[in-house]
Amino acid sequence: MATIEMYIDPYCPYCAKAKRLLTAKGQTWAEIDVIADPKRRAEMRDRASGRNTVPQIFIDGQHIGGCDDLHALDAKGGLDPLLAA
C-alpha cells in the first residue's frame, strides 16, 4: 500500500472531498493540519513548489497536487497504479 500524506485544514471542503475519494479506494493517510501547526504550512509550500492552498497531497513522496489534481489523476486512470505501488 502506498504512503499518503495530506496537508489539510479541518474546515476545508476540498480536503473532505479528497478524503472521500481516498476512502472510497480503501486508503489511509497521514494528515498534517496546517491550522493547528502553522509552521507546517511553510513546510508544505516548500514541498509543493510554492503552492499554498490545501489540500496538498503526496503519494510515496511524489507531489500529486490538490483535490482537483487528485480527481483528474483518477479520471485518467493514473491514481490506482500509484496506490497499488
C-alpha atoms as a PDB file:
ATOM      1  CA  MET A   1       0.000   0.000   0.000  1.00  0.00           C
ATOM      2  CA  ALA A   2       1.197   3.498  -0.819  1.00  0.00           C
ATOM      3  CA  THR A   3       2.180   6.039   1.816  1.00  0.00           C
ATOM      4  CA  ILE A   4      -0.086   9.071   1.546  1.00  0.00           C
ATOM      5  CA  GLU A   5       0.429  12.422   3.259  1.00  0.00           C
ATOM      6  CA  MET A   6      -2.150  15.180   3.082  1.00  0.00           C
ATOM      7  CA  TYR A   7      -1.714  18.741   4.312  1.00  0.00           C
ATOM      8  CA  ILE A   8      -5.152  19.855   5.443  1.00  0.00           C
ATOM      9  CA  ASP A   9      -7.296  22.479   7.090  1.00  0.00           C
ATOM     10  CA  PRO A  10     -10.004  20.660   9.095  1.00  0.00           C
ATOM     11  CA  TYR A  11     -12.703  23.034   7.778  1.00  0.00           C
ATOM     12  CA  CYS A  12     -11.713  22.778   4.107  1.00  0.00           C
ATOM     13  CA  PRO A  13     -14.391  21.244   1.841  1.00  0.00           C
ATOM     14  CA  TYR A  14     -11.759  20.319  -0.768  1.00  0.00           C
ATOM     15  CA  CYS A  15      -9.850  18.377   1.880  1.00  0.00           C
ATOM     16  CA  ALA A  16     -13.047  16.488   2.720  1.00  0.00           C
ATOM     17  CA  LYS A  17     -13.643  15.738  -0.974  1.00  0.00           C
ATOM     18  CA  ALA A  18     -10.092  14.386  -1.403  1.00  0.00           C
ATOM     19  CA  LYS A  19     -10.517  12.253   1.714  1.00  0.00           C
ATOM     20  CA  ARG A  20     -13.782  10.806   0.378  1.00  0.00           C
ATOM     21  CA  LEU A  21     -12.060   9.691  -2.834  1.00  0.00           C
ATOM     22  CA  LEU A  22      -9.169   8.083  -0.963  1.00  0.00           C
ATOM     23  CA  THR A  23     -11.552   6.430   1.488  1.00  0.00           C
ATOM     24  CA  ALA A  24     -13.580   5.012  -1.411  1.00  0.00           C
ATOM     25  CA  LYS A  25     -10.348   3.485  -2.687  1.00  0.00           C
ATOM     26  CA  GLY A  26      -9.670   1.873   0.704  1.00  0.00           C
ATOM     27  CA  GLN A  27      -6.703   4.090   1.507  1.00  0.00           C
ATOM     28  CA  THR A  28      -5.405   5.570   4.738  1.00  0.00           C
ATOM     29  CA  TRP A  29      -3.218   8.646   5.022  1.00  0.00           C
ATOM     30  CA  ALA A  30      -1.347  10.851   7.428  1.00  0.00           C
ATOM     31  CA  GLU A  31      -2.932  14.260   7.950  1.00  0.00           C
ATOM     32  CA  ILE A  32      -0.816  17.320   8.583  1.00  0.00           C
ATOM     33  CA  ASP A  33      -3.028  20.087   9.961  1.00  0.00           C
ATOM     34  CA  VAL A  34      -1.625  23.463   8.851  1.00  0.00           C
ATOM     35  CA  ILE A  35      -4.078  25.322  11.099  1.00  0.00           C
ATOM     36  CA  ALA A  36      -3.154  23.516  14.316  1.00  0.00           C
ATOM     37  CA  ASP A  37       0.562  23.783  13.474  1.00  0.00           C
ATOM     38  CA  PRO A  38       1.140  26.878  11.279  1.00  0.00           C
ATOM     39  CA  LYS A  39       4.852  26.055  10.843  1.00  0.00           C
ATOM     40  CA  ARG A  40       3.794  23.083   8.765  1.00  0.00           C
ATOM     41  CA  ARG A  41       2.323  25.425   6.102  1.00  0.00           C
ATOM     42  CA  ALA A  42       5.837  26.638   5.252  1.00  0.00           C
ATOM     43  CA  GLU A  43       6.938  23.008   5.027  1.00  0.00           C
ATOM     44  CA  MET A  44       4.003  22.333   2.709  1.00  0.00           C
ATOM     45  CA  ARG A  45       4.917  25.275   0.458  1.00  0.00           C
ATOM     46  CA  ASP A  46       8.496  24.030   0.210  1.00  0.00           C
ATOM     47  CA  ARG A  47       7.417  20.507  -0.704  1.00  0.00           C
ATOM     48  CA  ALA A  48       4.632  21.644  -3.061  1.00  0.00           C
ATOM     49  CA  SER A  49       6.708  24.060  -5.177  1.00  0.00           C
ATOM     50  CA  GLY A  50       5.180  27.143  -3.567  1.00  0.00           C
ATOM     51  CA  ARG A  51       1.550  26.051  -3.589  1.00  0.00           C
ATOM     52  CA  ASN A  52      -0.206  27.491  -0.553  1.00  0.00           C
ATOM     53  CA  THR A  53      -3.702  26.002  -0.763  1.00  0.00           C
ATOM     54  CA  VAL A  54      -4.958  22.871   0.943  1.00  0.00           C
ATOM     55  CA  PRO A  55      -5.121  20.042   0.478  1.00  0.00           C
ATOM     56  CA  GLN A  56      -1.676  19.248  -0.853  1.00  0.00           C
ATOM     57  CA  ILE A  57      -1.351  15.527  -1.375  1.00  0.00           C
ATOM     58  CA  PHE A  58       1.760  13.373  -1.621  1.00  0.00           C
ATOM     59  CA  ILE A  59       1.819   9.690  -2.550  1.00  0.00           C
ATOM     60  CA  ASP A  60       5.073   7.904  -1.758  1.00  0.00           C
ATOM     61  CA  GLY A  61       6.752  11.304  -1.598  1.00  0.00           C
ATOM     62  CA  GLN A  62       5.506  12.359  -5.046  1.00  0.00           C
ATOM     63  CA  HIS A  63       3.552  15.603  -5.087  1.00  0.00           C
ATOM     64  CA  ILE A  64       0.130  14.961  -6.603  1.00  0.00           C
ATOM     65  CA  GLY A  65      -1.300  18.426  -6.012  1.00  0.00           C
ATOM     66  CA  GLY A  66      -4.644  19.436  -4.609  1.00  0.00           C
ATOM     67  CA  CYS A  67      -8.112  17.940  -4.651  1.00  0.00           C
ATOM     68  CA  ASP A  68      -8.792  18.766  -8.311  1.00  0.00           C
ATOM     69  CA  ASP A  69      -5.426  17.295  -9.299  1.00  0.00           C
ATOM     70  CA  LEU A  70      -6.191  14.098  -7.367  1.00  0.00           C
ATOM     71  CA  HIS A  71      -9.578  13.707  -9.063  1.00  0.00           C
ATOM     72  CA  ALA A  72      -8.103  14.470 -12.512  1.00  0.00           C
ATOM     73  CA  LEU A  73      -5.413  11.846 -11.948  1.00  0.00           C
ATOM     74  CA  ASP A  74      -8.111   9.337 -11.000  1.00  0.00           C
ATOM     75  CA  ALA A  75     -10.250  10.241 -14.034  1.00  0.00           C
ATOM     76  CA  LYS A  76      -7.381   9.497 -16.431  1.00  0.00           C
ATOM     77  CA  GLY A  77      -6.580   6.198 -14.689  1.00  0.00           C
ATOM     78  CA  GLY A  78      -3.332   7.288 -13.062  1.00  0.00           C
ATOM     79  CA  LEU A  79      -4.299   7.136  -9.395  1.00  0.00           C
ATOM     80  CA  ASP A  80      -4.875   3.403  -8.923  1.00  0.00           C
ATOM     81  CA  PRO A  81      -1.380   2.413 -10.150  1.00  0.00           C
ATOM     82  CA  LEU A  82       0.200   4.873  -7.680  1.00  0.00           C
ATOM     83  CA  LEU A  83      -1.895   3.499  -4.831  1.00  0.00           C
ATOM     84  CA  ALA A  84      -1.014  -0.086  -5.703  1.00  0.00           C
ATOM     85  CA  ALA A  85       2.733   0.561  -5.602  1.00  0.00           C
END
